[in-house]
Amino acid sequence: MERTLKTHGRVVSLKKWTGGVDWFRWQTTEFNDTDALQRALHEIQEGDRARASNIRRWSFQGYRGWQTDSVRWGQRNGRVLWESSGSQAHDMMGLSDACAGSACRIDTHCTIVLSESLPSFGTCLLGSITPTSAYPSPRRIQVGQHGSTTGLWLGTVGKRTSPSYLRVYDKGVEARCAPPGVLWRIELEAKHQHARKLWESNRERLKSPEFCASYSVQSLTSRGFSWPFGLLDDASLDVTAGPRPKSTIQSLAAWVVLSVRPVISRLLTVFTVGELLEMLGLSDVAAATGKDNA
């Protein structure tokens, strides 16, 4: 396996590499008993507090709860959402056994150490798109490159809100633990259907640094970018996000409660009940009772 990169007359080799899960977010399904999960979360956070971790209020997309060093979690309409990031994410994945639900974000990474400083390594990767991309046209792939006054270089692939989003950055500068150009990270942010598919198909394999590193790199090469050091293992992985799942009756009902009902309350300050029933196509099966004005 080729482990060297030749650039501008220099030969830079891959000294070592590792991988892992850097972010894990779980959301329980509707109408489930979350008592066991909440007890486990409280126990973890009490352990954090015993180790001098601060406990602070936390909110995300309407979920409200608490955060400590290990985990952040909140409740909304009977559901629980929790997440963990950094070195704690790997250990917290086991909390998914405490209540039925689904993964809604998983970040995997491949972190590499080069034999010598190469500040242009990220630019080399993201400037290497080839016609082998599985996508219809390289032009459809959104690529960004950013620098900062601290010396941090960051490259991105895809849209931030899409199911698959890639980052390539100088981890040594970001973490202030290595000289510029030596320690690099390729990070995949899998969300929505990609996170669900990744979890359901590779739950046990996500515990493997080799799998996480390979999944991250192959997510980059599947978009047509080159990887100068050869495959990290011999396995060819399915890194596609998969189709968007169909809405269930339970999820549609939850959407009505969480999204439609608040809008109806606001509209009632302007329109009559009868007018709202007409807008909703319900005037043939329902009628206003009592006060029918704004």
Protein backbone atom coordinates (compact mmCIF):
# COMPACT_ATOMS: atom_id res chain seq x y z
CA MET A 1 0.00 0.00 0.00
CA GLU A 2 1.41 3.38 -1.00
CA ARG A 3 2.02 5.53 2.08
CA THR A 4 3.74 8.54 0.55
CA LEU A 5 2.67 11.79 -1.08
CA LYS A 6 4.98 13.53 -3.53
CA THR A 7 4.43 17.27 -3.85
CA HIS A 8 6.71 20.06 -5.05
CA GLY A 9 9.72 17.76 -4.98
CA ARG A 10 9.02 16.64 -1.41
CA VAL A 11 8.03 13.18 -0.23
CA VAL A 12 5.65 13.24 2.74
CA SER A 13 4.59 9.94 4.28
CA LEU A 14 1.65 8.88 6.42
CA LYS A 15 3.24 8.33 9.81
CA LYS A 16 0.18 7.03 11.67
CA TRP A 17 -3.61 7.27 11.69
CA THR A 18 -6.62 6.54 13.87
CA GLY A 19 -10.38 7.00 13.80
CA GLY A 20 -13.49 7.09 15.94
CA VAL A 21 -16.90 8.61 16.62
CA ASP A 22 -16.70 12.31 17.47
CA TRP A 23 -20.42 13.13 17.88
CA PHE A 24 -23.50 11.05 18.64
CA ARG A 25 -27.09 12.29 18.91
CA TRP A 26 -30.10 10.11 19.74
CA GLN A 27 -33.82 10.92 19.68
CA THR A 28 -36.46 8.70 21.26
CA THR A 29 -39.55 7.71 19.32
CA GLU A 30 -42.96 9.18 20.09
CA PHE A 31 -45.09 7.88 22.96
CA ASN A 32 -42.34 5.80 24.60
CA ASP A 33 -41.51 5.36 28.28
CA THR A 34 -38.25 7.29 28.78
CA ASP A 35 -37.93 6.81 32.56
CA ALA A 36 -35.03 4.34 32.33
CA LEU A 37 -33.17 6.62 29.93
CA GLN A 38 -33.67 9.67 32.14
CA ARG A 39 -32.43 7.76 35.19
CA ALA A 40 -29.29 6.76 33.28
CA LEU A 41 -28.73 10.36 32.14
CA HIS A 42 -29.16 11.68 35.67
CA GLU A 43 -26.69 9.09 36.96
CA ILE A 44 -24.08 10.04 34.37
CA GLN A 45 -24.46 13.74 35.13
CA GLU A 46 -24.27 13.15 38.87
CA GLY A 47 -20.99 11.34 38.22
CA ASP A 48 -19.80 14.32 36.19
CA ARG A 49 -20.68 16.68 39.03
CA ALA A 50 -18.74 14.50 41.46
CA ARG A 51 -15.73 15.04 39.16
CA ALA A 52 -16.22 18.84 39.37
CA SER A 53 -18.11 19.25 36.10
CA ASN A 54 -20.48 22.20 35.94
CA ILE A 55 -24.14 21.47 35.21
CA ARG A 56 -25.85 24.03 32.99
CA ARG A 57 -29.19 24.47 31.28
CA TRP A 58 -29.31 23.24 27.69
CA SER A 59 -31.75 23.68 24.83
CA PHE A 60 -31.86 22.48 21.23
CA GLN A 61 -34.72 22.63 18.71
CA GLY A 62 -37.31 23.04 21.44
CA TYR A 63 -35.78 20.39 23.73
CA ARG A 64 -34.89 21.74 27.17
CA GLY A 65 -32.74 20.07 29.79
CA TRP A 66 -29.23 19.93 31.20
CA GLN A 67 -25.63 19.52 30.11
CA THR A 68 -22.42 18.37 31.77
CA ASP A 69 -19.05 17.30 30.39
CA SER A 70 -20.27 13.87 29.24
CA VAL A 71 -23.74 14.44 27.85
CA ARG A 72 -26.39 17.01 26.93
CA TRP A 73 -30.08 16.14 26.99
CA GLY A 74 -33.56 17.62 27.00
CA GLN A 75 -37.28 16.82 26.83
CA ARG A 76 -40.02 17.98 24.49
CA ASN A 77 -43.59 16.69 24.43
CA GLY A 78 -42.69 13.39 26.05
CA ARG A 79 -39.66 12.72 23.88
CA VAL A 80 -35.99 12.87 24.91
CA LEU A 81 -33.05 13.96 22.79
CA TRP A 82 -29.49 13.52 24.01
CA GLU A 83 -26.05 13.98 22.49
CA SER A 84 -22.39 13.63 23.35
CA SER A 85 -19.30 14.85 21.54
CA GLY A 86 -15.54 14.53 21.56
CA SER A 87 -13.87 11.70 23.43
CA GLN A 88 -17.06 10.99 25.41
CA ALA A 89 -19.18 10.18 22.33
CA HIS A 90 -17.87 6.61 21.98
CA ASP A 91 -18.75 5.71 25.58
CA MET A 92 -22.17 7.36 25.52
CA MET A 93 -23.43 5.40 22.47
CA GLY A 94 -24.52 2.61 24.81
CA LEU A 95 -27.28 4.84 26.19
CA SER A 96 -29.23 4.04 23.03
CA ASP A 97 -30.20 0.72 24.66
CA ALA A 98 -32.19 2.54 27.35
CA CYS A 99 -35.07 3.63 25.11
CA ALA A 100 -36.33 2.99 21.58
CA GLY A 101 -35.38 5.70 19.11
CA SER A 102 -33.01 6.52 16.30
CA ALA A 103 -29.64 8.12 15.71
CA CYS A 104 -30.05 11.56 14.15
CA ARG A 105 -26.39 12.59 13.97
CA ILE A 106 -23.14 10.60 13.94
CA ASP A 107 -19.74 12.13 13.21
CA THR A 108 -16.90 9.78 12.27
CA HIS A 109 -13.31 10.86 11.76
CA CYS A 110 -9.96 9.80 10.39
CA THR A 111 -7.09 11.62 12.08
CA ILE A 112 -3.64 11.34 10.49
CA VAL A 113 -0.10 12.36 11.38
CA LEU A 114 2.23 13.29 8.50
CA SER A 115 5.96 12.69 8.60
CA GLU A 116 6.57 16.43 8.20
CA SER A 117 4.59 19.65 8.05
CA LEU A 118 2.45 20.09 4.92
CA PRO A 119 0.15 23.12 5.38
CA SER A 120 -1.21 22.63 1.84
CA PHE A 121 -2.40 19.06 2.49
CA GLY A 122 -6.08 20.07 2.77
CA THR A 123 -5.88 22.09 -0.42
CA CYS A 124 -4.29 19.12 -2.18
CA LEU A 125 -7.15 16.84 -1.13
CA LEU A 126 -10.03 19.13 -2.04
CA GLY A 127 -8.40 20.26 -5.28
CA SER A 128 -8.05 16.69 -6.52
CA ILE A 129 -11.56 15.93 -7.77
CA THR A 130 -11.57 13.38 -10.62
CA PRO A 131 -14.16 12.08 -13.13
CA THR A 132 -14.62 8.94 -10.98
CA SER A 133 -17.15 10.67 -8.74
CA ALA A 134 -20.40 8.76 -8.15
CA TYR A 135 -22.24 12.06 -8.50
CA PRO A 136 -23.58 13.19 -11.91
CA SER A 137 -21.25 16.19 -12.14
CA PRO A 138 -18.37 17.47 -9.98
CA ARG A 139 -19.88 20.95 -10.32
CA ARG A 140 -22.79 19.85 -8.13
CA ILE A 141 -20.45 19.22 -5.21
CA GLN A 142 -20.20 22.32 -3.03
CA VAL A 143 -16.63 22.78 -1.82
CA GLY A 144 -15.43 25.52 0.54
CA GLN A 145 -11.98 26.45 1.82
CA HIS A 146 -11.43 28.83 4.73
CA GLY A 147 -8.49 30.18 6.66
CA SER A 148 -8.27 32.13 9.92
CA THR A 149 -5.85 34.46 11.65
CA THR A 150 -4.97 31.62 14.06
CA GLY A 151 -3.55 29.60 11.16
CA LEU A 152 -6.44 27.13 11.12
CA TRP A 153 -7.31 25.78 7.65
CA LEU A 154 -10.77 24.31 7.11
CA GLY A 155 -12.22 22.72 3.98
CA THR A 156 -15.84 21.59 3.60
CA VAL A 157 -17.67 19.36 1.13
CA GLY A 158 -21.45 19.54 0.71
CA LYS A 159 -24.12 21.65 2.35
CA ARG A 160 -24.10 22.05 6.12
CA THR A 161 -27.76 20.97 6.34
CA SER A 162 -27.50 17.93 4.04
CA PRO A 163 -27.46 14.31 5.32
CA SER A 164 -23.74 14.04 4.47
CA TYR A 165 -21.29 16.86 5.20
CA LEU A 166 -17.49 16.57 5.22
CA ARG A 167 -14.82 18.64 6.91
CA VAL A 168 -11.06 18.52 6.34
CA TYR A 169 -9.06 20.61 8.79
CA ASP A 170 -5.75 21.07 10.57
CA LYS A 171 -6.52 19.33 13.87
CA GLY A 172 -3.15 20.24 15.35
CA VAL A 173 -3.86 23.97 15.02
CA GLU A 174 -7.52 23.60 16.06
CA ALA A 175 -6.61 21.71 19.25
CA ARG A 176 -3.32 23.58 19.75
CA CYS A 177 -1.48 20.28 20.09
CA ALA A 178 0.77 20.12 17.01
CA PRO A 179 2.60 22.44 14.60
CA PRO A 180 0.65 23.58 11.52
CA GLY A 181 0.39 21.03 8.72
CA VAL A 182 1.27 17.91 10.73
CA LEU A 183 -1.97 16.62 12.30
CA TRP A 184 -5.02 16.50 9.99
CA ARG A 185 -8.59 15.32 10.38
CA ILE A 186 -11.17 14.18 7.84
CA GLU A 187 -14.57 14.25 9.48
CA LEU A 188 -17.95 13.06 8.21
CA GLU A 189 -21.10 14.55 9.72
CA ALA A 190 -23.93 12.09 9.00
CA LYS A 191 -27.42 13.36 9.83
CA HIS A 192 -31.06 12.34 9.33
CA GLN A 193 -31.39 9.27 7.09
CA HIS A 194 -27.62 8.89 6.76
CA ALA A 195 -27.20 8.71 10.55
CA ARG A 196 -30.04 6.19 10.83
CA LYS A 197 -28.62 3.99 8.08
CA LEU A 198 -25.08 4.20 9.45
CA TRP A 199 -26.30 3.18 12.91
CA GLU A 200 -28.64 0.39 11.80
CA SER A 201 -26.09 -1.15 9.42
CA ASN A 202 -22.88 -0.66 11.42
CA ARG A 203 -23.79 -0.35 15.08
CA GLU A 204 -21.05 -2.66 16.34
CA ARG A 205 -18.50 -1.58 13.73
CA LEU A 206 -18.74 2.04 14.91
CA LYS A 207 -16.76 0.93 17.97
CA SER A 208 -13.79 0.18 15.67
CA PRO A 209 -11.27 2.98 14.98
CA GLU A 210 -10.36 1.26 11.69
CA PHE A 211 -13.98 1.25 10.49
CA CYS A 212 -14.57 4.91 11.43
CA ALA A 213 -11.36 6.03 9.72
CA SER A 214 -12.11 4.07 6.55
CA TYR A 215 -15.73 5.25 6.47
CA SER A 216 -14.59 8.87 6.70
CA VAL A 217 -11.97 8.55 3.95
CA GLN A 218 -14.24 6.58 1.62
CA SER A 219 -16.97 9.18 2.13
CA LEU A 220 -14.48 11.66 0.65
CA THR A 221 -13.24 9.46 -2.21
CA SER A 222 -16.81 8.45 -3.17
CA ARG A 223 -17.32 12.08 -4.18
CA GLY A 224 -14.40 11.91 -6.58
CA PHE A 225 -11.61 13.31 -4.39
CA SER A 226 -8.24 11.58 -4.29
CA TRP A 227 -6.68 9.99 -1.23
CA PRO A 228 -2.90 9.83 -1.75
CA PHE A 229 -2.13 7.09 0.78
CA GLY A 230 -4.23 4.21 -0.53
CA LEU A 231 -7.11 2.49 1.29
CA LEU A 232 -6.73 2.16 5.03
CA ASP A 233 -8.13 -1.39 4.80
CA ASP A 234 -9.33 -3.74 2.06
CA ALA A 235 -13.07 -3.30 2.70
CA SER A 236 -15.22 -1.34 0.26
CA LEU A 237 -17.90 0.36 2.36
CA ASP A 238 -21.39 1.56 1.50
CA VAL A 239 -21.15 5.26 2.43
CA THR A 240 -24.37 6.42 0.76
CA ALA A 241 -26.98 8.25 2.79
CA GLY A 242 -29.87 6.10 1.61
CA PRO A 243 -33.40 7.22 0.71
CA ARG A 244 -35.35 9.64 2.82
CA PRO A 245 -37.73 7.61 5.03
CA LYS A 246 -41.48 7.89 4.62
CA SER A 247 -43.38 9.66 7.37
CA THR A 248 -45.23 7.40 9.80
CA ILE A 249 -48.67 8.08 11.23
CA GLN A 250 -47.02 8.74 14.61
CA SER A 251 -44.53 11.23 13.16
CA LEU A 252 -47.30 13.04 11.26
CA ALA A 253 -49.37 13.25 14.43
CA ALA A 254 -46.37 14.62 16.33
CA TRP A 255 -45.83 17.19 13.55
CA VAL A 256 -49.43 18.38 13.89
CA VAL A 257 -49.01 18.78 17.66
CA LEU A 258 -45.60 20.46 17.55
CA SER A 259 -45.84 22.56 14.39
CA VAL A 260 -49.44 23.02 13.30
CA ARG A 261 -51.15 23.62 16.63
CA PRO A 262 -49.02 26.68 17.57
CA VAL A 263 -49.75 28.22 14.16
CA ILE A 264 -53.50 27.65 14.59
CA SER A 265 -53.41 29.53 17.89
CA ARG A 266 -51.79 32.53 16.19
CA LEU A 267 -54.22 32.47 13.26
CA LEU A 268 -57.18 32.52 15.66
CA THR A 269 -56.18 36.04 16.66
CA VAL A 270 -56.94 37.15 13.08
CA PHE A 271 -59.43 34.70 11.55
CA THR A 272 -62.65 33.13 12.81
CA VAL A 273 -62.92 29.43 13.57
CA GLY A 274 -65.14 29.01 10.54
CA GLU A 275 -62.54 30.61 8.27
CA LEU A 276 -59.81 28.36 9.67
CA LEU A 277 -61.94 25.26 9.09
CA GLU A 278 -62.37 26.40 5.49
CA MET A 279 -58.59 26.86 5.08
CA LEU A 280 -57.96 23.38 6.46
CA GLY A 281 -60.61 21.76 4.25
CA LEU A 282 -62.64 20.72 7.30
CA SER A 283 -65.74 22.87 6.88
CA ASP A 284 -67.73 19.90 5.51
CA VAL A 285 -67.09 17.75 8.58
CA ALA A 286 -66.74 20.27 11.43
CA ALA A 287 -68.44 23.45 12.59
CA ALA A 288 -67.62 26.17 15.06
CA THR A 289 -69.27 26.09 18.48
CA GLY A 290 -69.56 29.01 20.85
CA LYS A 291 -67.69 32.17 20.06
CA ASP A 292 -66.82 32.21 16.33
CA ASN A 293 -64.86 35.42 15.88
CA ALA A 294 -61.29 36.60 16.07
